[in-house]
Amino acid sequence: MGKGSRRGARAAEALAALRSSEEPVVLRAPAGERVEGGYTVRSVGASDRVYRCPGCAQELVAVPHVVAWPLGDPDGRRHWHTPCWTARGRRAPTVERGRGAPRH
């Protein structure tokens, strides 16, 4: 028998026990995350990085905010102002325009 890790063997045993279990497995979001309307949402503290809020198109600079992404698509992660995330269903989408773009 080849060399294997005990951790890998224990993980395989745990997975086999889950699969053979009669009880349904309930998946939960990690601590600090919640699921809202098809999105995984996490509240985060202030950051040194600058993000642009998709709700108001303003920069998020050194303020606590919310990070949200569609379930199963972590590449779709966006940083929102907390009030913008809360009001996202009541607002029209923000259109970003260049400085010389017409406003019609």
PDB file of N, CA and C in Angstrom:
ATOM      1  N   MET A   1       0.838  -1.174   0.000  1.00  0.00           N
ATOM      2  CA  MET A   1       0.000   0.000   0.000  1.00  0.00           C
ATOM      3  C   MET A   1       0.885   1.240   0.000  1.00  0.00           C
ATOM      4  N   GLY A   2       0.521   2.231  -0.807  1.00  0.00           N
ATOM      5  CA  GLY A   2       1.332   3.430  -0.929  1.00  0.00           C
ATOM      6  C   GLY A   2       1.173   4.344   0.268  1.00  0.00           C
ATOM      7  N   LYS A   3       2.054   5.321   0.320  1.00  0.00           N
ATOM      8  CA  LYS A   3       1.992   6.282   1.418  1.00  0.00           C
ATOM      9  C   LYS A   3       0.808   7.211   1.200  1.00  0.00           C
ATOM     10  N   GLY A   4       0.126   7.520   2.243  1.00  0.00           N
ATOM     11  CA  GLY A   4      -0.983   8.455   2.187  1.00  0.00           C
ATOM     12  C   GLY A   4      -1.035   9.245   3.476  1.00  0.00           C
ATOM     13  N   SER A   5      -1.702  10.337   3.444  1.00  0.00           N
ATOM     14  CA  SER A   5      -1.780  11.135   4.662  1.00  0.00           C
ATOM     15  C   SER A   5      -2.965  10.669   5.505  1.00  0.00           C
ATOM     16  N   ARG A   6      -2.783  10.765   6.788  1.00  0.00           N
ATOM     17  CA  ARG A   6      -3.890  10.407   7.689  1.00  0.00           C
ATOM     18  C   ARG A   6      -5.037  11.396   7.530  1.00  0.00           C
ATOM     19  N   ARG A   7      -4.687  12.654   7.284  1.00  0.00           N
ATOM     20  CA  ARG A   7      -5.711  13.675   7.125  1.00  0.00           C
ATOM     21  C   ARG A   7      -6.584  13.350   5.925  1.00  0.00           C
ATOM     22  N   GLY A   8      -5.979  12.933   4.829  1.00  0.00           N
ATOM     23  CA  GLY A   8      -6.734  12.569   3.635  1.00  0.00           C
ATOM     24  C   GLY A   8      -7.629  11.370   3.882  1.00  0.00           C
ATOM     25  N   ALA A   9      -7.124  10.385   4.637  1.00  0.00           N
ATOM     26  CA  ALA A   9      -7.919   9.201   4.955  1.00  0.00           C
ATOM     27  C   ALA A   9      -9.100   9.576   5.843  1.00  0.00           C
ATOM     28  N   ARG A  10      -8.855  10.452   6.822  1.00  0.00           N
ATOM     29  CA  ARG A  10      -9.952  10.886   7.698  1.00  0.00           C
ATOM     30  C   ARG A  10     -10.995  11.679   6.926  1.00  0.00           C
ATOM     31  N   ALA A  11     -10.554  12.520   6.015  1.00  0.00           N
ATOM     32  CA  ALA A  11     -11.490  13.305   5.208  1.00  0.00           C
ATOM     33  C   ALA A  11     -12.329  12.380   4.328  1.00  0.00           C
ATOM     34  N   ALA A  12     -11.708  11.360   3.747  1.00  0.00           N
ATOM     35  CA  ALA A  12     -12.440  10.407   2.920  1.00  0.00           C
ATOM     36  C   ALA A  12     -13.457   9.634   3.754  1.00  0.00           C
ATOM     37  N   GLU A  13     -13.083   9.244   4.959  1.00  0.00           N
ATOM     38  CA  GLU A  13     -14.012   8.538   5.845  1.00  0.00           C
ATOM     39  C   GLU A  13     -15.186   9.435   6.223  1.00  0.00           C
ATOM     40  N   ALA A  14     -14.912  10.692   6.517  1.00  0.00           N
ATOM     41  CA  ALA A  14     -15.983  11.626   6.883  1.00  0.00           C
ATOM     42  C   ALA A  14     -16.931  11.839   5.711  1.00  0.00           C
ATOM     43  N   LEU A  15     -16.388  11.959   4.505  1.00  0.00           N
ATOM     44  CA  LEU A  15     -17.214  12.138   3.319  1.00  0.00           C
ATOM     45  C   LEU A  15     -18.075  10.906   3.081  1.00  0.00           C
ATOM     46  N   ALA A  16     -17.495   9.723   3.237  1.00  0.00           N
ATOM     47  CA  ALA A  16     -18.259   8.488   3.061  1.00  0.00           C
ATOM     48  C   ALA A  16     -19.374   8.394   4.103  1.00  0.00           C
ATOM     49  N   ALA A  17     -19.110   8.820   5.336  1.00  0.00           N
ATOM     50  CA  ALA A  17     -20.128   8.793   6.379  1.00  0.00           C
ATOM     51  C   ALA A  17     -21.263   9.763   6.052  1.00  0.00           C
ATOM     52  N   LEU A  18     -20.920  10.929   5.516  1.00  0.00           N
ATOM     53  CA  LEU A  18     -21.950  11.891   5.119  1.00  0.00           C
ATOM     54  C   LEU A  18     -22.817  11.332   4.005  1.00  0.00           C
ATOM     55  N   ARG A  19     -22.180  10.720   3.025  1.00  0.00           N
ATOM     56  CA  ARG A  19     -22.932  10.176   1.889  1.00  0.00           C
ATOM     57  C   ARG A  19     -23.849   9.037   2.310  1.00  0.00           C
ATOM     58  N   SER A  20     -23.444   8.238   3.284  1.00  0.00           N
ATOM     59  CA  SER A  20     -24.256   7.106   3.706  1.00  0.00           C
ATOM     60  C   SER A  20     -25.306   7.506   4.738  1.00  0.00           C
ATOM     61  N   SER A  21     -25.214   8.715   5.254  1.00  0.00           N
ATOM     62  CA  SER A  21     -26.137   9.174   6.287  1.00  0.00           C
ATOM     63  C   SER A  21     -27.543   9.325   5.722  1.00  0.00           C
ATOM     64  N   GLU A  22     -28.524   8.987   6.529  1.00  0.00           N
ATOM     65  CA  GLU A  22     -29.927   9.112   6.131  1.00  0.00           C
ATOM     66  C   GLU A  22     -30.406  10.560   6.296  1.00  0.00           C
ATOM     67  N   GLU A  23     -29.746  11.322   7.158  1.00  0.00           N
ATOM     68  CA  GLU A  23     -30.174  12.689   7.428  1.00  0.00           C
ATOM     69  C   GLU A  23     -29.722  13.612   6.309  1.00  0.00           C
ATOM     70  N   PRO A  24     -30.566  14.580   5.935  1.00  0.00           N
ATOM     71  CA  PRO A  24     -30.148  15.539   4.917  1.00  0.00           C
ATOM     72  C   PRO A  24     -29.041  16.443   5.448  1.00  0.00           C
ATOM     73  N   VAL A  25     -28.124  16.810   4.583  1.00  0.00           N
ATOM     74  CA  VAL A  25     -27.024  17.685   4.970  1.00  0.00           C
ATOM     75  C   VAL A  25     -27.462  19.129   4.726  1.00  0.00           C
ATOM     76  N   VAL A  26     -27.331  19.966   5.742  1.00  0.00           N
ATOM     77  CA  VAL A  26     -27.694  21.374   5.633  1.00  0.00           C
ATOM     78  C   VAL A  26     -26.413  22.166   5.456  1.00  0.00           C
ATOM     79  N   LEU A  27     -26.305  22.853   4.341  1.00  0.00           N
ATOM     80  CA  LEU A  27     -25.128  23.682   4.094  1.00  0.00           C
ATOM     81  C   LEU A  27     -25.388  25.073   4.642  1.00  0.00           C
ATOM     82  N   ARG A  28     -24.445  25.594   5.380  1.00  0.00           N
ATOM     83  CA  ARG A  28     -24.566  26.932   5.946  1.00  0.00           C
ATOM     84  C   ARG A  28     -23.455  27.808   5.418  1.00  0.00           C
ATOM     85  N   ALA A  29     -23.750  29.103   5.364  1.00  0.00           N
ATOM     86  CA  ALA A  29     -22.723  30.060   4.974  1.00  0.00           C
ATOM     87  C   ALA A  29     -21.702  30.148   6.110  1.00  0.00           C
ATOM     88  N   PRO A  30     -20.443  30.405   5.789  1.00  0.00           N
ATOM     89  CA  PRO A  30     -19.436  30.570   6.836  1.00  0.00           C
ATOM     90  C   PRO A  30     -19.815  31.712   7.786  1.00  0.00           C
ATOM     91  N   ALA A  31     -19.241  31.701   8.954  1.00  0.00           N
ATOM     92  CA  ALA A  31     -19.533  32.734   9.946  1.00  0.00           C
ATOM     93  C   ALA A  31     -19.289  34.111   9.347  1.00  0.00           C
ATOM     94  N   GLY A  32     -20.207  35.028   9.612  1.00  0.00           N
ATOM     95  CA  GLY A  32     -20.075  36.389   9.101  1.00  0.00           C
ATOM     96  C   GLY A  32     -20.712  36.581   7.738  1.00  0.00           C
ATOM     97  N   GLU A  33     -21.156  35.516   7.101  1.00  0.00           N
ATOM     98  CA  GLU A  33     -21.819  35.614   5.797  1.00  0.00           C
ATOM     99  C   GLU A  33     -23.278  35.228   5.958  1.00  0.00           C
ATOM    100  N   ARG A  34     -24.097  35.786   5.080  1.00  0.00           N
ATOM    101  CA  ARG A  34     -25.513  35.435   5.062  1.00  0.00           C
ATOM    102  C   ARG A  34     -25.969  35.362   3.612  1.00  0.00           C
ATOM    103  N   VAL A  35     -27.100  34.753   3.380  1.00  0.00           N
ATOM    104  CA  VAL A  35     -27.648  34.646   2.029  1.00  0.00           C
ATOM    105  C   VAL A  35     -28.888  35.516   1.964  1.00  0.00           C
ATOM    106  N   GLU A  36     -28.917  36.422   0.973  1.00  0.00           N
ATOM    107  CA  GLU A  36     -30.055  37.326   0.779  1.00  0.00           C
ATOM    108  C   GLU A  36     -30.435  37.332  -0.690  1.00  0.00           C
ATOM    109  N   GLY A  37     -31.608  36.848  -1.009  1.00  0.00           N
ATOM    110  CA  GLY A  37     -32.141  36.949  -2.364  1.00  0.00           C
ATOM    111  C   GLY A  37     -31.207  36.453  -3.455  1.00  0.00           C
ATOM    112  N   GLY A  38     -30.587  35.317  -3.261  1.00  0.00           N
ATOM    113  CA  GLY A  38     -29.711  34.759  -4.284  1.00  0.00           C
ATOM    114  C   GLY A  38     -28.279  35.275  -4.246  1.00  0.00           C
ATOM    115  N   TYR A  39     -27.951  36.055  -3.229  1.00  0.00           N
ATOM    116  CA  TYR A  39     -26.597  36.586  -3.086  1.00  0.00           C
ATOM    117  C   TYR A  39     -26.013  36.162  -1.753  1.00  0.00           C
ATOM    118  N   THR A  40     -24.723  35.936  -1.735  1.00  0.00           N
ATOM    119  CA  THR A  40     -23.994  35.757  -0.485  1.00  0.00           C
ATOM    120  C   THR A  40     -23.511  37.140  -0.092  1.00  0.00           C
ATOM    121  N   VAL A  41     -23.749  37.526   1.151  1.00  0.00           N
ATOM    122  CA  VAL A  41     -23.447  38.887   1.607  1.00  0.00           C
ATOM    123  C   VAL A  41     -22.559  38.809   2.842  1.00  0.00           C
ATOM    124  N   ARG A  42     -21.537  39.649   2.878  1.00  0.00           N
ATOM    125  CA  ARG A  42     -20.628  39.716   4.017  1.00  0.00           C
ATOM    126  C   ARG A  42     -20.402  41.184   4.370  1.00  0.00           C
ATOM    127  N   SER A  43     -20.558  41.530   5.641  1.00  0.00           N
ATOM    128  CA  SER A  43     -20.231  42.875   6.105  1.00  0.00           C
ATOM    129  C   SER A  43     -18.743  42.907   6.417  1.00  0.00           C
ATOM    130  N   VAL A  44     -18.071  43.942   5.941  1.00  0.00           N
ATOM    131  CA  VAL A  44     -16.624  44.054   6.152  1.00  0.00           C
ATOM    132  C   VAL A  44     -16.302  45.420   6.735  1.00  0.00           C
ATOM    133  N   GLY A  45     -15.157  45.519   7.346  1.00  0.00           N
ATOM    134  CA  GLY A  45     -14.701  46.779   7.929  1.00  0.00           C
ATOM    135  C   GLY A  45     -14.082  47.678   6.864  1.00  0.00           C
ATOM    136  N   ALA A  46     -13.560  48.777   7.306  1.00  0.00           N
ATOM    137  CA  ALA A  46     -12.909  49.724   6.403  1.00  0.00           C
ATOM    138  C   ALA A  46     -11.663  49.087   5.784  1.00  0.00           C
ATOM    139  N   SER A  47     -11.360  49.481   4.572  1.00  0.00           N
ATOM    140  CA  SER A  47     -10.220  48.929   3.849  1.00  0.00           C
ATOM    141  C   SER A  47      -9.347  50.054   3.320  1.00  0.00           C
ATOM    142  N   ASP A  48      -8.088  49.749   3.095  1.00  0.00           N
ATOM    143  CA  ASP A  48      -7.181  50.732   2.503  1.00  0.00           C
ATOM    144  C   ASP A  48      -7.380  50.828   0.994  1.00  0.00           C
ATOM    145  N   ARG A  49      -7.985  49.813   0.417  1.00  0.00           N
ATOM    146  CA  ARG A  49      -8.209  49.801  -1.034  1.00  0.00           C
ATOM    147  C   ARG A  49      -9.421  50.635  -1.390  1.00  0.00           C
ATOM    148  N   VAL A  50      -9.477  51.082  -2.629  1.00  0.00           N
ATOM    149  CA  VAL A  50     -10.593  51.892  -3.109  1.00  0.00           C
ATOM    150  C   VAL A  50     -11.445  51.025  -4.030  1.00  0.00           C
ATOM    151  N   TYR A  51     -12.751  50.972  -3.747  1.00  0.00           N
ATOM    152  CA  TYR A  51     -13.703  50.240  -4.568  1.00  0.00           C
ATOM    153  C   TYR A  51     -14.756  51.207  -5.062  1.00  0.00           C
ATOM    154  N   ARG A  52     -15.465  50.856  -6.125  1.00  0.00           N
ATOM    155  CA  ARG A  52     -16.558  51.675  -6.623  1.00  0.00           C
ATOM    156  C   ARG A  52     -17.865  50.935  -6.372  1.00  0.00           C
ATOM    157  N   CYS A  53     -18.787  51.581  -5.673  1.00  0.00           N
ATOM    158  CA  CYS A  53     -20.073  50.999  -5.332  1.00  0.00           C
ATOM    159  C   CYS A  53     -20.947  50.920  -6.584  1.00  0.00           C
ATOM    160  N   PRO A  54     -21.474  49.733  -6.933  1.00  0.00           N
ATOM    161  CA  PRO A  54     -22.330  49.641  -8.114  1.00  0.00           C
ATOM    162  C   PRO A  54     -23.698  50.279  -7.897  1.00  0.00           C
ATOM    163  N   GLY A  55     -24.066  50.576  -6.661  1.00  0.00           N
ATOM    164  CA  GLY A  55     -25.365  51.188  -6.390  1.00  0.00           C
ATOM    165  C   GLY A  55     -25.405  52.679  -6.659  1.00  0.00           C
ATOM    166  N   CYS A  56     -24.300  53.381  -6.371  1.00  0.00           N
ATOM    167  CA  CYS A  56     -24.280  54.841  -6.527  1.00  0.00           C
ATOM    168  C   CYS A  56     -23.114  55.322  -7.370  1.00  0.00           C
ATOM    169  N   ALA A  57     -22.230  54.422  -7.774  1.00  0.00           N
ATOM    170  CA  ALA A  57     -21.054  54.725  -8.593  1.00  0.00           C
ATOM    171  C   ALA A  57     -20.048  55.642  -7.881  1.00  0.00           C
ATOM    172  N   GLN A  58     -20.160  55.781  -6.547  1.00  0.00           N
ATOM    173  CA  GLN A  58     -19.200  56.563  -5.778  1.00  0.00           C
ATOM    174  C   GLN A  58     -18.124  55.631  -5.242  1.00  0.00           C
ATOM    175  N   GLU A  59     -16.987  56.204  -4.890  1.00  0.00           N
ATOM    176  CA  GLU A  59     -15.896  55.388  -4.351  1.00  0.00           C
ATOM    177  C   GLU A  59     -16.141  55.040  -2.887  1.00  0.00           C
ATOM    178  N   LEU A  60     -15.748  53.837  -2.526  1.00  0.00           N
ATOM    179  CA  LEU A  60     -15.752  53.396  -1.135  1.00  0.00           C
ATOM    180  C   LEU A  60     -14.332  53.585  -0.633  1.00  0.00           C
ATOM    181  N   VAL A  61     -14.127  54.554   0.225  1.00  0.00           N
ATOM    182  CA  VAL A  61     -12.792  54.818   0.736  1.00  0.00           C
ATOM    183  C   VAL A  61     -12.829  54.789   2.255  1.00  0.00           C
ATOM    184  N   ALA A  62     -12.160  53.807   2.840  1.00  0.00           N
ATOM    185  CA  ALA A  62     -11.985  53.702   4.293  1.00  0.00           C
ATOM    186  C   ALA A  62     -13.292  53.775   5.077  1.00  0.00           C
ATOM    187  N   VAL A  63     -14.338  53.077   4.591  1.00  0.00           N
ATOM    188  CA  VAL A  63     -15.595  52.998   5.326  1.00  0.00           C
ATOM    189  C   VAL A  63     -16.021  51.532   5.421  1.00  0.00           C
ATOM    190  N   PRO A  64     -16.670  51.153   6.520  1.00  0.00           N
ATOM    191  CA  PRO A  64     -17.223  49.801   6.567  1.00  0.00           C
ATOM    192  C   PRO A  64     -18.271  49.660   5.466  1.00  0.00           C
ATOM    193  N   HIS A  65     -18.351  48.482   4.857  1.00  0.00           N
ATOM    194  CA  HIS A  65     -19.259  48.296   3.739  1.00  0.00           C
ATOM    195  C   HIS A  65     -19.668  46.832   3.616  1.00  0.00           C
ATOM    196  N   VAL A  66     -20.364  46.497   2.537  1.00  0.00           N
ATOM    197  CA  VAL A  66     -20.880  45.155   2.305  1.00  0.00           C
ATOM    198  C   VAL A  66     -20.250  44.606   1.034  1.00  0.00           C
ATOM    199  N   VAL A  67     -19.896  43.327   1.061  1.00  0.00           N
ATOM    200  CA  VAL A  67     -19.421  42.637  -0.141  1.00  0.00           C
ATOM    201  C   VAL A  67     -20.490  41.604  -0.485  1.00  0.00           C
ATOM    202  N   ALA A  68     -20.951  41.602  -1.737  1.00  0.00           N
ATOM    203  CA  ALA A  68     -22.003  40.675  -2.152  1.00  0.00           C
ATOM    204  C   ALA A  68     -21.640  40.058  -3.491  1.00  0.00           C
ATOM    205  N   TRP A  69     -22.027  38.782  -3.661  1.00  0.00           N
ATOM    206  CA  TRP A  69     -21.805  38.105  -4.931  1.00  0.00           C
ATOM    207  C   TRP A  69     -22.910  37.083  -5.135  1.00  0.00           C
ATOM    208  N   PRO A  70     -23.260  36.803  -6.414  1.00  0.00           N
ATOM    209  CA  PRO A  70     -24.290  35.805  -6.681  1.00  0.00           C
ATOM    210  C   PRO A  70     -23.867  34.446  -6.122  1.00  0.00           C
ATOM    211  N   LEU A  71     -24.827  33.671  -5.652  1.00  0.00           N
ATOM    212  CA  LEU A  71     -24.531  32.342  -5.112  1.00  0.00           C
ATOM    213  C   LEU A  71     -23.781  31.517  -6.144  1.00  0.00           C
ATOM    214  N   GLY A  72     -22.676  30.944  -5.743  1.00  0.00           N
ATOM    215  CA  GLY A  72     -21.894  30.085  -6.632  1.00  0.00           C
ATOM    216  C   GLY A  72     -21.011  30.825  -7.616  1.00  0.00           C
ATOM    217  N   ASP A  73     -20.936  32.159  -7.534  1.00  0.00           N
ATOM    218  CA  ASP A  73     -20.106  32.925  -8.461  1.00  0.00           C
ATOM    219  C   ASP A  73     -19.246  33.928  -7.700  1.00  0.00           C
ATOM    220  N   PRO A  74     -18.191  33.468  -7.028  1.00  0.00           N
ATOM    221  CA  PRO A  74     -17.366  34.400  -6.253  1.00  0.00           C
ATOM    222  C   PRO A  74     -16.638  35.418  -7.121  1.00  0.00           C
ATOM    223  N   ASP A  75     -16.526  35.170  -8.423  1.00  0.00           N
ATOM    224  CA  ASP A  75     -15.899  36.156  -9.304  1.00  0.00           C
ATOM    225  C   ASP A  75     -16.804  37.361  -9.533  1.00  0.00           C
ATOM    226  N   GLY A  76     -18.080  37.234  -9.217  1.00  0.00           N
ATOM    227  CA  GLY A  76     -19.026  38.339  -9.369  1.00  0.00           C
ATOM    228  C   GLY A  76     -19.118  39.207  -8.131  1.00  0.00           C
ATOM    229  N   ARG A  77     -18.109  39.130  -7.270  1.00  0.00           N
ATOM    230  CA  ARG A  77     -18.108  39.853  -5.996  1.00  0.00           C
ATOM    231  C   ARG A  77     -18.001  41.355  -6.228  1.00  0.00           C
ATOM    232  N   ARG A  78     -18.861  42.125  -5.538  1.00  0.00           N
ATOM    233  CA  ARG A  78     -18.856  43.582  -5.633  1.00  0.00           C
ATOM    234  C   ARG A  78     -18.937  44.187  -4.242  1.00  0.00           C
ATOM    235  N   HIS A  79     -18.320  45.336  -4.072  1.00  0.00           N
ATOM    236  CA  HIS A  79     -18.296  46.065  -2.800  1.00  0.00           C
ATOM    237  C   HIS A  79     -19.334  47.186  -2.880  1.00  0.00           C
ATOM    238  N   TRP A  80     -20.253  47.220  -1.914  1.00  0.00           N
ATOM    239  CA  TRP A  80     -21.362  48.180  -1.886  1.00  0.00           C
ATOM    240  C   TRP A  80     -21.316  48.996  -0.596  1.00  0.00           C
ATOM    241  N   HIS A  81     -21.778  50.257  -0.672  1.00  0.00           N
ATOM    242  CA  HIS A  81     -22.102  50.980   0.558  1.00  0.00           C
ATOM    243  C   HIS A  81     -23.247  50.210   1.204  1.00  0.00           C
ATOM    244  N   THR A  82     -23.271  50.129   2.517  1.00  0.00           N
ATOM    245  CA  THR A  82     -24.328  49.382   3.195  1.00  0.00           C
ATOM    246  C   THR A  82     -25.719  49.932   2.862  1.00  0.00           C
ATOM    247  N   PRO A  83     -25.952  51.267   2.874  1.00  0.00           N
ATOM    248  CA  PRO A  83     -27.287  51.770   2.506  1.00  0.00           C
ATOM    249  C   PRO A  83     -27.636  51.496   1.033  1.00  0.00           C
ATOM    250  N   CYS A  84     -26.650  51.504   0.154  1.00  0.00           N
ATOM    251  CA  CYS A  84     -26.918  51.211  -1.256  1.00  0.00           C
ATOM    252  C   CYS A  84     -27.361  49.760  -1.427  1.00  0.00           C
ATOM    253  N   TRP A  85     -26.713  48.839  -0.689  1.00  0.00           N
ATOM    254  CA  TRP A  85     -27.103  47.428  -0.760  1.00  0.00           C
ATOM    255  C   TRP A  85     -28.530  47.251  -0.225  1.00  0.00           C
ATOM    256  N   THR A  86     -28.839  47.934   0.878  1.00  0.00           N
ATOM    257  CA  THR A  86     -30.161  47.822   1.473  1.00  0.00           C
ATOM    258  C   THR A  86     -31.238  48.354   0.529  1.00  0.00           C
ATOM    259  N   ALA A  87     -30.942  49.413  -0.209  1.00  0.00           N
ATOM    260  CA  ALA A  87     -31.924  50.056  -1.080  1.00  0.00           C
ATOM    261  C   ALA A  87     -31.854  49.579  -2.529  1.00  0.00           C
ATOM    262  N   ARG A  88     -31.102  48.541  -2.829  1.00  0.00           N
ATOM    263  CA  ARG A  88     -30.889  48.129  -4.220  1.00  0.00           C
ATOM    264  C   ARG A  88     -32.180  47.782  -4.952  1.00  0.00           C
ATOM    265  N   GLY A  89     -33.194  47.318  -4.254  1.00  0.00           N
ATOM    266  CA  GLY A  89     -34.460  46.962  -4.905  1.00  0.00           C
ATOM    267  C   GLY A  89     -35.341  48.162  -5.194  1.00  0.00           C
ATOM    268  N   ARG A  90     -35.080  49.293  -4.560  1.00  0.00           N
ATOM    269  CA  ARG A  90     -35.908  50.495  -4.730  1.00  0.00           C
ATOM    270  C   ARG A  90     -35.275  51.522  -5.652  1.00  0.00           C
ATOM    271  N   ARG A  91     -34.090  51.226  -6.169  1.00  0.00           N
ATOM    272  CA  ARG A  91     -33.378  52.216  -6.974  1.00  0.00           C
ATOM    273  C   ARG A  91     -33.237  51.751  -8.408  1.00  0.00           C
ATOM    274  N   ALA A  92     -33.158  52.712  -9.295  1.00  0.00           N
ATOM    275  CA  ALA A  92     -32.849  52.401 -10.699  1.00  0.00           C
ATOM    276  C   ALA A  92     -31.348  52.139 -10.792  1.00  0.00           C
ATOM    277  N   PRO A  93     -30.906  51.357 -11.784  1.00  0.00           N
ATOM    278  CA  PRO A  93     -29.459  51.122 -11.921  1.00  0.00           C
ATOM    279  C   PRO A  93     -28.717  52.423 -12.192  1.00  0.00           C
ATOM    280  N   THR A  94     -27.538  52.509 -11.655  1.00  0.00           N
ATOM    281  CA  THR A  94     -26.699  53.677 -11.876  1.00  0.00           C
ATOM    282  C   THR A  94     -25.970  53.521 -13.202  1.00  0.00           C
ATOM    283  N   VAL A  95     -26.001  54.583 -14.003  1.00  0.00           N
ATOM    284  CA  VAL A  95     -25.317  54.564 -15.288  1.00  0.00           C
ATOM    285  C   VAL A  95     -24.068  55.412 -15.157  1.00  0.00           C
ATOM    286  N   GLU A  96     -22.928  54.822 -15.438  1.00  0.00           N
ATOM    287  CA  GLU A  96     -21.686  55.578 -15.386  1.00  0.00           C
ATOM    288  C   GLU A  96     -21.448  56.216 -16.742  1.00  0.00           C
ATOM    289  N   ARG A  97     -21.181  57.505 -16.743  1.00  0.00           N
ATOM    290  CA  ARG A  97     -20.923  58.235 -17.980  1.00  0.00           C
ATOM    291  C   ARG A  97     -19.549  58.874 -17.904  1.00  0.00           C
ATOM    292  N   GLY A  98     -18.952  59.029 -19.055  1.00  0.00           N
ATOM    293  CA  GLY A  98     -17.689  59.761 -19.120  1.00  0.00           C
ATOM    294  C   GLY A  98     -17.962  61.245 -18.976  1.00  0.00           C
ATOM    295  N   ARG A  99     -16.923  62.046 -18.797  1.00  0.00           N
ATOM    296  CA  ARG A  99     -17.108  63.485 -18.595  1.00  0.00           C
ATOM    297  C   ARG A  99     -17.774  64.156 -19.781  1.00  0.00           C
ATOM    298  N   GLY A 100     -17.452  63.739 -20.991  1.00  0.00           N
ATOM    299  CA  GLY A 100     -18.003  64.396 -22.170  1.00  0.00           C
ATOM    300  C   GLY A 100     -19.257  63.720 -22.720  1.00  0.00           C
ATOM    301  N   ALA A 101     -19.783  62.731 -22.022  1.00  0.00           N
ATOM    302  CA  ALA A 101     -20.951  62.006 -22.532  1.00  0.00           C
ATOM    303  C   ALA A 101     -22.221  62.822 -22.365  1.00  0.00           C
ATOM    304  N   PRO A 102     -23.141  62.734 -23.341  1.00  0.00           N
ATOM    305  CA  PRO A 102     -24.410  63.450 -23.210  1.00  0.00           C
ATOM    306  C   PRO A 102     -25.266  62.847 -22.101  1.00  0.00           C
ATOM    307  N   ARG A 103     -26.131  63.657 -21.521  1.00  0.00           N
ATOM    308  CA  ARG A 103     -26.979  63.197 -20.411  1.00  0.00           C
ATOM    309  C   ARG A 103     -28.415  62.952 -20.857  1.00  0.00           C
ATOM    310  N   HIS A 104     -28.625  62.322 -21.984  1.00  0.00           N
ATOM    311  CA  HIS A 104     -30.016  62.093 -22.433  1.00  0.00           C
ATOM    312  C   HIS A 104     -30.410  60.677 -22.320  1.00  0.00           C
TER     313      HIS A 104
END
